[in-house]
Amino acid sequence: MSESSLPTNTVLDGLERDPMLDDEMVAVLKAVYLKQPQALEFRASGMSDAEIVDAMHEIAQAGLLKIVQKNSRVSLVPTESPAGLTPQQRKARAKRRQRRRLFHR
């Protein structure tokens, strides 16, 4: 994705932008956000690239995703939930507890 095809009207371009982010870092963030699998789903629902960048940046700022660099690849990975468990793990734990209550009275 070339830098010229990146959206220019995002929260990363406004006056509210983190002063620690230079133009090169902003371009990298936009490219990473737009290459994520979720971006395809967002596009299918009618979101523009600028809206996708804004949404992904908001999710990252909320601490739900973190940016990881491995070799020359940069990607987003989910952070651990506050309890250290993923939603699937919490659901499985709740099911086990329910079964224990039913069968081990």
PDB file of N, CA and C in Angstrom:
ATOM      1  N   MET A   1       0.862  -1.169   0.000  1.00  0.00           N
ATOM      2  CA  MET A   1       0.000   0.000   0.000  1.00  0.00           C
ATOM      3  C   MET A   1       0.901   1.221   0.000  1.00  0.00           C
ATOM      4  N   SER A   2       0.796   2.012  -0.983  1.00  0.00           N
ATOM      5  CA  SER A   2       1.659   3.187  -1.077  1.00  0.00           C
ATOM      6  C   SER A   2       1.157   4.280  -0.156  1.00  0.00           C
ATOM      7  N   GLU A   3       2.063   5.139   0.218  1.00  0.00           N
ATOM      8  CA  GLU A   3       1.716   6.220   1.138  1.00  0.00           C
ATOM      9  C   GLU A   3       0.681   7.160   0.528  1.00  0.00           C
ATOM     10  N   SER A   4       0.701   7.316  -0.797  1.00  0.00           N
ATOM     11  CA  SER A   4      -0.237   8.227  -1.443  1.00  0.00           C
ATOM     12  C   SER A   4      -1.667   7.705  -1.397  1.00  0.00           C
ATOM     13  N   SER A   5      -1.848   6.380  -1.221  1.00  0.00           N
ATOM     14  CA  SER A   5      -3.199   5.842  -1.176  1.00  0.00           C
ATOM     15  C   SER A   5      -3.756   5.786   0.244  1.00  0.00           C
ATOM     16  N   LEU A   6      -2.993   6.247   1.211  1.00  0.00           N
ATOM     17  CA  LEU A   6      -3.471   6.264   2.589  1.00  0.00           C
ATOM     18  C   LEU A   6      -4.399   7.449   2.801  1.00  0.00           C
ATOM     19  N   PRO A   7      -5.430   7.271   3.619  1.00  0.00           N
ATOM     20  CA  PRO A   7      -6.342   8.390   3.882  1.00  0.00           C
ATOM     21  C   PRO A   7      -5.629   9.509   4.636  1.00  0.00           C
ATOM     22  N   THR A   8      -6.058  10.719   4.386  1.00  0.00           N
ATOM     23  CA  THR A   8      -5.401  11.879   5.016  1.00  0.00           C
ATOM     24  C   THR A   8      -6.307  12.626   5.990  1.00  0.00           C
ATOM     25  N   ASN A   9      -7.515  12.155   6.160  1.00  0.00           N
ATOM     26  CA  ASN A   9      -8.455  12.858   7.038  1.00  0.00           C
ATOM     27  C   ASN A   9      -8.829  11.980   8.238  1.00  0.00           C
ATOM     28  N   THR A  10      -7.827  11.539   8.990  1.00  0.00           N
ATOM     29  CA  THR A  10      -8.059  10.662  10.134  1.00  0.00           C
ATOM     30  C   THR A  10      -7.661  11.371  11.427  1.00  0.00           C
ATOM     31  N   VAL A  11      -7.913  10.704  12.553  1.00  0.00           N
ATOM     32  CA  VAL A  11      -7.515  11.270  13.846  1.00  0.00           C
ATOM     33  C   VAL A  11      -6.002  11.365  13.949  1.00  0.00           C
ATOM     34  N   LEU A  12      -5.294  10.588  13.161  1.00  0.00           N
ATOM     35  CA  LEU A  12      -3.835  10.637  13.176  1.00  0.00           C
ATOM     36  C   LEU A  12      -3.295  11.843  12.420  1.00  0.00           C
ATOM     37  N   ASP A  13      -4.154  12.537  11.690  1.00  0.00           N
ATOM     38  CA  ASP A  13      -3.730  13.708  10.924  1.00  0.00           C
ATOM     39  C   ASP A  13      -4.132  15.019  11.564  1.00  0.00           C
ATOM     40  N   GLY A  14      -5.029  14.968  12.521  1.00  0.00           N
ATOM     41  CA  GLY A  14      -5.554  16.197  13.110  1.00  0.00           C
ATOM     42  C   GLY A  14      -4.630  16.826  14.129  1.00  0.00           C
ATOM     43  N   LEU A  15      -5.067  17.930  14.665  1.00  0.00           N
ATOM     44  CA  LEU A  15      -4.297  18.652  15.672  1.00  0.00           C
ATOM     45  C   LEU A  15      -4.192  17.871  16.980  1.00  0.00           C
ATOM     46  N   GLU A  16      -5.138  16.917  17.195  1.00  0.00           N
ATOM     47  CA  GLU A  16      -5.158  16.137  18.427  1.00  0.00           C
ATOM     48  C   GLU A  16      -4.132  15.010  18.407  1.00  0.00           C
ATOM     49  N   ARG A  17      -3.420  14.865  17.314  1.00  0.00           N
ATOM     50  CA  ARG A  17      -2.457  13.771  17.163  1.00  0.00           C
ATOM     51  C   ARG A  17      -1.399  13.829  18.252  1.00  0.00           C
ATOM     52  N   ASP A  18      -1.005  12.666  18.707  1.00  0.00           N
ATOM     53  CA  ASP A  18       0.054  12.549  19.710  1.00  0.00           C
ATOM     54  C   ASP A  18       1.326  13.194  19.166  1.00  0.00           C
ATOM     55  N   PRO A  19       1.905  14.127  19.898  1.00  0.00           N
ATOM     56  CA  PRO A  19       3.109  14.805  19.390  1.00  0.00           C
ATOM     57  C   PRO A  19       4.303  13.862  19.220  1.00  0.00           C
ATOM     58  N   MET A  20       4.259  12.698  19.825  1.00  0.00           N
ATOM     59  CA  MET A  20       5.340  11.720  19.686  1.00  0.00           C
ATOM     60  C   MET A  20       5.305  11.013  18.331  1.00  0.00           C
ATOM     61  N   LEU A  21       4.201  11.143  17.595  1.00  0.00           N
ATOM     62  CA  LEU A  21       4.050  10.479  16.297  1.00  0.00           C
ATOM     63  C   LEU A  21       4.473  11.428  15.181  1.00  0.00           C
ATOM     64  N   ASP A  22       5.504  11.046  14.442  1.00  0.00           N
ATOM     65  CA  ASP A  22       5.897  11.842  13.283  1.00  0.00           C
ATOM     66  C   ASP A  22       5.152  11.320  12.055  1.00  0.00           C
ATOM     67  N   ASP A  23       5.332  11.987  10.933  1.00  0.00           N
ATOM     68  CA  ASP A  23       4.594  11.627   9.718  1.00  0.00           C
ATOM     69  C   ASP A  23       4.893  10.202   9.252  1.00  0.00           C
ATOM     70  N   GLU A  24       6.133   9.776   9.401  1.00  0.00           N
ATOM     71  CA  GLU A  24       6.499   8.420   8.976  1.00  0.00           C
ATOM     72  C   GLU A  24       5.795   7.368   9.846  1.00  0.00           C
ATOM     73  N   MET A  25       5.751   7.594  11.157  1.00  0.00           N
ATOM     74  CA  MET A  25       5.079   6.657  12.052  1.00  0.00           C
ATOM     75  C   MET A  25       3.585   6.625  11.784  1.00  0.00           C
ATOM     76  N   VAL A  26       3.004   7.767  11.496  1.00  0.00           N
ATOM     77  CA  VAL A  26       1.578   7.828  11.176  1.00  0.00           C
ATOM     78  C   VAL A  26       1.292   7.010   9.913  1.00  0.00           C
ATOM     79  N   ALA A  27       2.141   7.125   8.916  1.00  0.00           N
ATOM     80  CA  ALA A  27       1.963   6.354   7.687  1.00  0.00           C
ATOM     81  C   ALA A  27       2.065   4.858   7.961  1.00  0.00           C
ATOM     82  N   VAL A  28       2.999   4.471   8.813  1.00  0.00           N
ATOM     83  CA  VAL A  28       3.139   3.049   9.172  1.00  0.00           C
ATOM     84  C   VAL A  28       1.894   2.565   9.907  1.00  0.00           C
ATOM     85  N   LEU A  29       1.417   3.342  10.868  1.00  0.00           N
ATOM     86  CA  LEU A  29       0.210   2.957  11.601  1.00  0.00           C
ATOM     87  C   LEU A  29      -0.982   2.789  10.676  1.00  0.00           C
ATOM     88  N   LYS A  30      -1.182   3.737   9.782  1.00  0.00           N
ATOM     89  CA  LYS A  30      -2.299   3.650   8.845  1.00  0.00           C
ATOM     90  C   LYS A  30      -2.191   2.389   7.994  1.00  0.00           C
ATOM     91  N   ALA A  31      -0.991   2.115   7.480  1.00  0.00           N
ATOM     92  CA  ALA A  31      -0.793   0.928   6.645  1.00  0.00           C
ATOM     93  C   ALA A  31      -1.060  -0.351   7.434  1.00  0.00           C
ATOM     94  N   VAL A  32      -0.588  -0.401   8.676  1.00  0.00           N
ATOM     95  CA  VAL A  32      -0.819  -1.584   9.519  1.00  0.00           C
ATOM     96  C   VAL A  32      -2.309  -1.754   9.790  1.00  0.00           C
ATOM     97  N   TYR A  33      -2.975  -0.685  10.154  1.00  0.00           N
ATOM     98  CA  TYR A  33      -4.407  -0.757  10.434  1.00  0.00           C
ATOM     99  C   TYR A  33      -5.183  -1.261   9.219  1.00  0.00           C
ATOM    100  N   LEU A  34      -4.837  -0.770   8.037  1.00  0.00           N
ATOM    101  CA  LEU A  34      -5.593  -1.121   6.830  1.00  0.00           C
ATOM    102  C   LEU A  34      -5.262  -2.513   6.302  1.00  0.00           C
ATOM    103  N   LYS A  35      -4.181  -3.120   6.790  1.00  0.00           N
ATOM    104  CA  LYS A  35      -3.830  -4.471   6.346  1.00  0.00           C
ATOM    105  C   LYS A  35      -4.365  -5.559   7.271  1.00  0.00           C
ATOM    106  N   GLN A  36      -5.016  -5.188   8.335  1.00  0.00           N
ATOM    107  CA  GLN A  36      -5.540  -6.170   9.276  1.00  0.00           C
ATOM    108  C   GLN A  36      -6.770  -6.863   8.698  1.00  0.00           C
ATOM    109  N   PRO A  37      -7.003  -8.132   9.082  1.00  0.00           N
ATOM    110  CA  PRO A  37      -8.175  -8.860   8.581  1.00  0.00           C
ATOM    111  C   PRO A  37      -9.493  -8.141   8.882  1.00  0.00           C
ATOM    112  N   GLN A  38      -9.558  -7.442  10.003  1.00  0.00           N
ATOM    113  CA  GLN A  38     -10.783  -6.728  10.360  1.00  0.00           C
ATOM    114  C   GLN A  38     -11.106  -5.632   9.355  1.00  0.00           C
ATOM    115  N   ALA A  39     -10.085  -5.092   8.695  1.00  0.00           N
ATOM    116  CA  ALA A  39     -10.310  -4.016   7.730  1.00  0.00           C
ATOM    117  C   ALA A  39     -11.193  -4.494   6.582  1.00  0.00           C
ATOM    118  N   LEU A  40     -11.017  -5.749   6.173  1.00  0.00           N
ATOM    119  CA  LEU A  40     -11.861  -6.299   5.100  1.00  0.00           C
ATOM    120  C   LEU A  40     -13.318  -6.355   5.539  1.00  0.00           C
ATOM    121  N   GLU A  41     -13.539  -6.756   6.786  1.00  0.00           N
ATOM    122  CA  GLU A  41     -14.910  -6.805   7.310  1.00  0.00           C
ATOM    123  C   GLU A  41     -15.503  -5.404   7.399  1.00  0.00           C
ATOM    124  N   PHE A  42     -14.691  -4.451   7.847  1.00  0.00           N
ATOM    125  CA  PHE A  42     -15.165  -3.076   7.949  1.00  0.00           C
ATOM    126  C   PHE A  42     -15.509  -2.519   6.564  1.00  0.00           C
ATOM    127  N   ARG A  43     -14.661  -2.804   5.579  1.00  0.00           N
ATOM    128  CA  ARG A  43     -14.942  -2.329   4.212  1.00  0.00           C
ATOM    129  C   ARG A  43     -16.232  -2.942   3.683  1.00  0.00           C
ATOM    130  N   ALA A  44     -16.431  -4.231   3.978  1.00  0.00           N
ATOM    131  CA  ALA A  44     -17.651  -4.914   3.520  1.00  0.00           C
ATOM    132  C   ALA A  44     -18.896  -4.284   4.133  1.00  0.00           C
ATOM    133  N   SER A  45     -18.752  -3.709   5.325  1.00  0.00           N
ATOM    134  CA  SER A  45     -19.907  -3.074   5.954  1.00  0.00           C
ATOM    135  C   SER A  45     -20.080  -1.622   5.516  1.00  0.00           C
ATOM    136  N   GLY A  46     -19.194  -1.155   4.611  1.00  0.00           N
ATOM    137  CA  GLY A  46     -19.356   0.177   4.044  1.00  0.00           C
ATOM    138  C   GLY A  46     -18.494   1.267   4.642  1.00  0.00           C
ATOM    139  N   MET A  47     -17.552   0.915   5.495  1.00  0.00           N
ATOM    140  CA  MET A  47     -16.694   1.932   6.105  1.00  0.00           C
ATOM    141  C   MET A  47     -15.610   2.371   5.124  1.00  0.00           C
ATOM    142  N   SER A  48     -15.264   3.634   5.173  1.00  0.00           N
ATOM    143  CA  SER A  48     -14.168   4.157   4.347  1.00  0.00           C
ATOM    144  C   SER A  48     -12.839   3.839   5.030  1.00  0.00           C
ATOM    145  N   ASP A  49     -11.739   3.995   4.296  1.00  0.00           N
ATOM    146  CA  ASP A  49     -10.427   3.739   4.881  1.00  0.00           C
ATOM    147  C   ASP A  49     -10.142   4.675   6.053  1.00  0.00           C
ATOM    148  N   ALA A  50     -10.570   5.923   5.951  1.00  0.00           N
ATOM    149  CA  ALA A  50     -10.368   6.870   7.051  1.00  0.00           C
ATOM    150  C   ALA A  50     -11.133   6.417   8.288  1.00  0.00           C
ATOM    151  N   GLU A  51     -12.350   5.943   8.118  1.00  0.00           N
ATOM    152  CA  GLU A  51     -13.136   5.449   9.251  1.00  0.00           C
ATOM    153  C   GLU A  51     -12.505   4.202   9.861  1.00  0.00           C
ATOM    154  N   ILE A  52     -11.950   3.343   9.010  1.00  0.00           N
ATOM    155  CA  ILE A  52     -11.283   2.130   9.498  1.00  0.00           C
ATOM    156  C   ILE A  52     -10.057   2.501  10.325  1.00  0.00           C
ATOM    157  N   VAL A  53      -9.241   3.421   9.813  1.00  0.00           N
ATOM    158  CA  VAL A  53      -8.052   3.868  10.554  1.00  0.00           C
ATOM    159  C   VAL A  53      -8.473   4.458  11.894  1.00  0.00           C
ATOM    160  N   ASP A  54      -9.495   5.291  11.901  1.00  0.00           N
ATOM    161  CA  ASP A  54      -9.962   5.899  13.151  1.00  0.00           C
ATOM    162  C   ASP A  54     -10.430   4.828  14.142  1.00  0.00           C
ATOM    163  N   ALA A  55     -11.206   3.862  13.665  1.00  0.00           N
ATOM    164  CA  ALA A  55     -11.724   2.802  14.537  1.00  0.00           C
ATOM    165  C   ALA A  55     -10.589   1.938  15.084  1.00  0.00           C
ATOM    166  N   MET A  56      -9.666   1.529  14.229  1.00  0.00           N
ATOM    167  CA  MET A  56      -8.560   0.684  14.672  1.00  0.00           C
ATOM    168  C   MET A  56      -7.660   1.437  15.650  1.00  0.00           C
ATOM    169  N   HIS A  57      -7.442   2.718  15.408  1.00  0.00           N
ATOM    170  CA  HIS A  57      -6.611   3.513  16.314  1.00  0.00           C
ATOM    171  C   HIS A  57      -7.301   3.656  17.671  1.00  0.00           C
ATOM    172  N   GLU A  58      -8.596   3.839  17.653  1.00  0.00           N
ATOM    173  CA  GLU A  58      -9.342   3.943  18.905  1.00  0.00           C
ATOM    174  C   GLU A  58      -9.264   2.635  19.686  1.00  0.00           C
ATOM    175  N   ILE A  59      -9.371   1.513  18.987  1.00  0.00           N
ATOM    176  CA  ILE A  59      -9.264   0.201  19.643  1.00  0.00           C
ATOM    177  C   ILE A  59      -7.872   0.024  20.237  1.00  0.00           C
ATOM    178  N   ALA A  60      -6.855   0.405  19.488  1.00  0.00           N
ATOM    179  CA  ALA A  60      -5.481   0.290  19.985  1.00  0.00           C
ATOM    180  C   ALA A  60      -5.263   1.215  21.187  1.00  0.00           C
ATOM    181  N   GLN A  61      -5.792   2.433  21.127  1.00  0.00           N
ATOM    182  CA  GLN A  61      -5.646   3.381  22.225  1.00  0.00           C
ATOM    183  C   GLN A  61      -6.371   2.907  23.481  1.00  0.00           C
ATOM    184  N   ALA A  62      -7.452   2.141  23.295  1.00  0.00           N
ATOM    185  CA  ALA A  62      -8.204   1.610  24.434  1.00  0.00           C
ATOM    186  C   ALA A  62      -7.465   0.446  25.094  1.00  0.00           C
ATOM    187  N   GLY A  63      -6.409  -0.021  24.456  1.00  0.00           N
ATOM    188  CA  GLY A  63      -5.623  -1.099  25.038  1.00  0.00           C
ATOM    189  C   GLY A  63      -6.096  -2.486  24.664  1.00  0.00           C
ATOM    190  N   LEU A  64      -6.994  -2.591  23.700  1.00  0.00           N
ATOM    191  CA  LEU A  64      -7.500  -3.897  23.287  1.00  0.00           C
ATOM    192  C   LEU A  64      -6.599  -4.568  22.263  1.00  0.00           C
ATOM    193  N   LEU A  65      -5.782  -3.786  21.606  1.00  0.00           N
ATOM    194  CA  LEU A  65      -4.822  -4.301  20.632  1.00  0.00           C
ATOM    195  C   LEU A  65      -3.469  -3.671  20.920  1.00  0.00           C
ATOM    196  N   LYS A  66      -2.422  -4.403  20.604  1.00  0.00           N
ATOM    197  CA  LYS A  66      -1.100  -3.796  20.694  1.00  0.00           C
ATOM    198  C   LYS A  66      -0.359  -4.048  19.393  1.00  0.00           C
ATOM    199  N   ILE A  67       0.527  -3.141  19.079  1.00  0.00           N
ATOM    200  CA  ILE A  67       1.295  -3.210  17.842  1.00  0.00           C
ATOM    201  C   ILE A  67       2.587  -3.958  18.143  1.00  0.00           C
ATOM    202  N   VAL A  68       2.838  -4.992  17.338  1.00  0.00           N
ATOM    203  CA  VAL A  68       4.001  -5.840  17.553  1.00  0.00           C
ATOM    204  C   VAL A  68       4.808  -5.911  16.267  1.00  0.00           C
ATOM    205  N   GLN A  69       6.124  -5.808  16.408  1.00  0.00           N
ATOM    206  CA  GLN A  69       7.006  -5.958  15.252  1.00  0.00           C
ATOM    207  C   GLN A  69       7.787  -7.245  15.421  1.00  0.00           C
ATOM    208  N   LYS A  70       7.709  -8.099  14.417  1.00  0.00           N
ATOM    209  CA  LYS A  70       8.442  -9.354  14.423  1.00  0.00           C
ATOM    210  C   LYS A  70       9.197  -9.419  13.106  1.00  0.00           C
ATOM    211  N   ASN A  71      10.519  -9.369  13.191  1.00  0.00           N
ATOM    212  CA  ASN A  71      11.374  -9.257  12.011  1.00  0.00           C
ATOM    213  C   ASN A  71      10.996  -7.983  11.267  1.00  0.00           C
ATOM    214  N   SER A  72      10.596  -8.092  10.020  1.00  0.00           N
ATOM    215  CA  SER A  72      10.224  -6.897   9.269  1.00  0.00           C
ATOM    216  C   SER A  72       8.712  -6.703   9.200  1.00  0.00           C
ATOM    217  N   ARG A  73       7.958  -7.556   9.869  1.00  0.00           N
ATOM    218  CA  ARG A  73       6.496  -7.460   9.843  1.00  0.00           C
ATOM    219  C   ARG A  73       5.976  -6.724  11.074  1.00  0.00           C
ATOM    220  N   VAL A  74       4.991  -5.894  10.843  1.00  0.00           N
ATOM    221  CA  VAL A  74       4.321  -5.186  11.929  1.00  0.00           C
ATOM    222  C   VAL A  74       2.862  -5.601  11.886  1.00  0.00           C
ATOM    223  N   SER A  75       2.316  -5.976  13.037  1.00  0.00           N
ATOM    224  CA  SER A  75       0.913  -6.386  13.067  1.00  0.00           C
ATOM    225  C   SER A  75       0.292  -6.009  14.401  1.00  0.00           C
ATOM    226  N   LEU A  76      -1.003  -6.184  14.484  1.00  0.00           N
ATOM    227  CA  LEU A  76      -1.748  -5.930  15.709  1.00  0.00           C
ATOM    228  C   LEU A  76      -2.132  -7.263  16.321  1.00  0.00           C
ATOM    229  N   VAL A  77      -1.986  -7.376  17.618  1.00  0.00           N
ATOM    230  CA  VAL A  77      -2.398  -8.587  18.321  1.00  0.00           C
ATOM    231  C   VAL A  77      -3.276  -8.170  19.487  1.00  0.00           C
ATOM    232  N   PRO A  78      -4.261  -9.007  19.828  1.00  0.00           N
ATOM    233  CA  PRO A  78      -5.110  -8.672  20.974  1.00  0.00           C
ATOM    234  C   PRO A  78      -4.296  -8.705  22.263  1.00  0.00           C
ATOM    235  N   THR A  79      -4.589  -7.797  23.148  1.00  0.00           N
ATOM    236  CA  THR A  79      -3.953  -7.823  24.461  1.00  0.00           C
ATOM    237  C   THR A  79      -4.721  -8.779  25.343  1.00  0.00           C
ATOM    238  N   GLU A  80      -4.123  -9.172  26.427  1.00  0.00           N
ATOM    239  CA  GLU A  80      -4.827 -10.045  27.356  1.00  0.00           C
ATOM    240  C   GLU A  80      -5.932  -9.268  28.032  1.00  0.00           C
ATOM    241  N   SER A  81      -6.996  -9.976  28.336  1.00  0.00           N
ATOM    242  CA  SER A  81      -8.097  -9.331  29.039  1.00  0.00           C
ATOM    243  C   SER A  81      -7.668  -9.042  30.478  1.00  0.00           C
ATOM    244  N   PRO A  82      -8.396  -8.202  31.187  1.00  0.00           N
ATOM    245  CA  PRO A  82      -7.996  -7.844  32.538  1.00  0.00           C
ATOM    246  C   PRO A  82      -7.770  -9.050  33.449  1.00  0.00           C
ATOM    247  N   ALA A  83      -8.558 -10.084  33.276  1.00  0.00           N
ATOM    248  CA  ALA A  83      -8.401 -11.276  34.114  1.00  0.00           C
ATOM    249  C   ALA A  83      -7.343 -12.209  33.539  1.00  0.00           C
ATOM    250  N   GLY A  84      -6.739 -11.840  32.408  1.00  0.00           N
ATOM    251  CA  GLY A  84      -5.731 -12.693  31.794  1.00  0.00           C
ATOM    252  C   GLY A  84      -6.323 -13.794  30.943  1.00  0.00           C
ATOM    253  N   LEU A  85      -7.615 -13.756  30.725  1.00  0.00           N
ATOM    254  CA  LEU A  85      -8.283 -14.785  29.945  1.00  0.00           C
ATOM    255  C   LEU A  85      -8.937 -14.180  28.711  1.00  0.00           C
ATOM    256  N   THR A  86      -8.968 -14.944  27.646  1.00  0.00           N
ATOM    257  CA  THR A  86      -9.686 -14.513  26.452  1.00  0.00           C
ATOM    258  C   THR A  86     -11.174 -14.728  26.686  1.00  0.00           C
ATOM    259  N   PRO A  87     -12.028 -14.118  25.870  1.00  0.00           N
ATOM    260  CA  PRO A  87     -13.473 -14.346  26.041  1.00  0.00           C
ATOM    261  C   PRO A  87     -13.851 -15.831  25.927  1.00  0.00           C
ATOM    262  N   GLN A  88     -13.176 -16.561  25.038  1.00  0.00           N
ATOM    263  CA  GLN A  88     -13.468 -17.989  24.898  1.00  0.00           C
ATOM    264  C   GLN A  88     -13.085 -18.746  26.165  1.00  0.00           C
ATOM    265  N   GLN A  89     -11.962 -18.368  26.769  1.00  0.00           N
ATOM    266  CA  GLN A  89     -11.541 -19.032  28.001  1.00  0.00           C
ATOM    267  C   GLN A  89     -12.510 -18.736  29.141  1.00  0.00           C
ATOM    268  N   ARG A  90     -12.990 -17.490  29.221  1.00  0.00           N
ATOM    269  CA  ARG A  90     -13.964 -17.149  30.260  1.00  0.00           C
ATOM    270  C   ARG A  90     -15.263 -17.929  30.076  1.00  0.00           C
ATOM    271  N   LYS A  91     -15.697 -18.074  28.828  1.00  0.00           N
ATOM    272  CA  LYS A  91     -16.922 -18.816  28.535  1.00  0.00           C
ATOM    273  C   LYS A  91     -16.762 -20.287  28.912  1.00  0.00           C
ATOM    274  N   ALA A  92     -15.615 -20.873  28.563  1.00  0.00           N
ATOM    275  CA  ALA A  92     -15.363 -22.281  28.902  1.00  0.00           C
ATOM    276  C   ALA A  92     -15.335 -22.465  30.415  1.00  0.00           C
ATOM    277  N   ARG A  93     -14.722 -21.527  31.125  1.00  0.00           N
ATOM    278  CA  ARG A  93     -14.662 -21.613  32.587  1.00  0.00           C
ATOM    279  C   ARG A  93     -16.064 -21.539  33.184  1.00  0.00           C
ATOM    280  N   ALA A  94     -16.900 -20.657  32.658  1.00  0.00           N
ATOM    281  CA  ALA A  94     -18.276 -20.533  33.164  1.00  0.00           C
ATOM    282  C   ALA A  94     -19.059 -21.818  32.923  1.00  0.00           C
ATOM    283  N   LYS A  95     -18.855 -22.443  31.766  1.00  0.00           N
ATOM    284  CA  LYS A  95     -19.552 -23.705  31.484  1.00  0.00           C
ATOM    285  C   LYS A  95     -19.108 -24.801  32.450  1.00  0.00           C
ATOM    286  N   ARG A  96     -17.808 -24.877  32.724  1.00  0.00           N
ATOM    287  CA  ARG A  96     -17.312 -25.885  33.664  1.00  0.00           C
ATOM    288  C   ARG A  96     -17.908 -25.676  35.052  1.00  0.00           C
ATOM    289  N   ARG A  97     -17.963 -24.424  35.479  1.00  0.00           N
ATOM    290  CA  ARG A  97     -18.534 -24.128  36.797  1.00  0.00           C
ATOM    291  C   ARG A  97     -20.003 -24.528  36.853  1.00  0.00           C
ATOM    292  N   GLN A  98     -20.727 -24.250  35.764  1.00  0.00           N
ATOM    293  CA  GLN A  98     -22.146 -24.593  35.729  1.00  0.00           C
ATOM    294  C   GLN A  98     -22.316 -26.108  35.803  1.00  0.00           C
ATOM    295  N   ARG A  99     -21.506 -26.856  35.080  1.00  0.00           N
ATOM    296  CA  ARG A  99     -21.593 -28.322  35.117  1.00  0.00           C
ATOM    297  C   ARG A  99     -21.265 -28.858  36.504  1.00  0.00           C
ATOM    298  N   ARG A 100     -20.257 -28.259  37.145  1.00  0.00           N
ATOM    299  CA  ARG A 100     -19.901 -28.698  38.500  1.00  0.00           C
ATOM    300  C   ARG A 100     -21.064 -28.493  39.454  1.00  0.00           C
ATOM    301  N   ARG A 101     -21.731 -27.356  39.320  1.00  0.00           N
ATOM    302  CA  ARG A 101     -22.870 -27.080  40.190  1.00  0.00           C
ATOM    303  C   ARG A 101     -24.004 -28.080  39.956  1.00  0.00           C
ATOM    304  N   LEU A 102     -24.210 -28.452  38.708  1.00  0.00           N
ATOM    305  CA  LEU A 102     -25.289 -29.375  38.392  1.00  0.00           C
ATOM    306  C   LEU A 102     -25.005 -30.801  38.869  1.00  0.00           C
ATOM    307  N   PHE A 103     -23.777 -31.239  38.726  1.00  0.00           N
ATOM    308  CA  PHE A 103     -23.473 -32.650  38.984  1.00  0.00           C
ATOM    309  C   PHE A 103     -22.744 -32.917  40.293  1.00  0.00           C
ATOM    310  N   HIS A 104     -22.286 -31.912  40.960  1.00  0.00           N
ATOM    311  CA  HIS A 104     -21.545 -32.118  42.193  1.00  0.00           C
ATOM    312  C   HIS A 104     -22.162 -31.396  43.374  1.00  0.00           C
ATOM    313  N   ARG A 105     -23.405 -31.568  43.543  1.00  0.00           N
ATOM    314  CA  ARG A 105     -24.102 -30.867  44.633  1.00  0.00           C
ATOM    315  C   ARG A 105     -23.784 -31.480  45.904  1.00  0.00           C
TER     316      ARG A 105
END
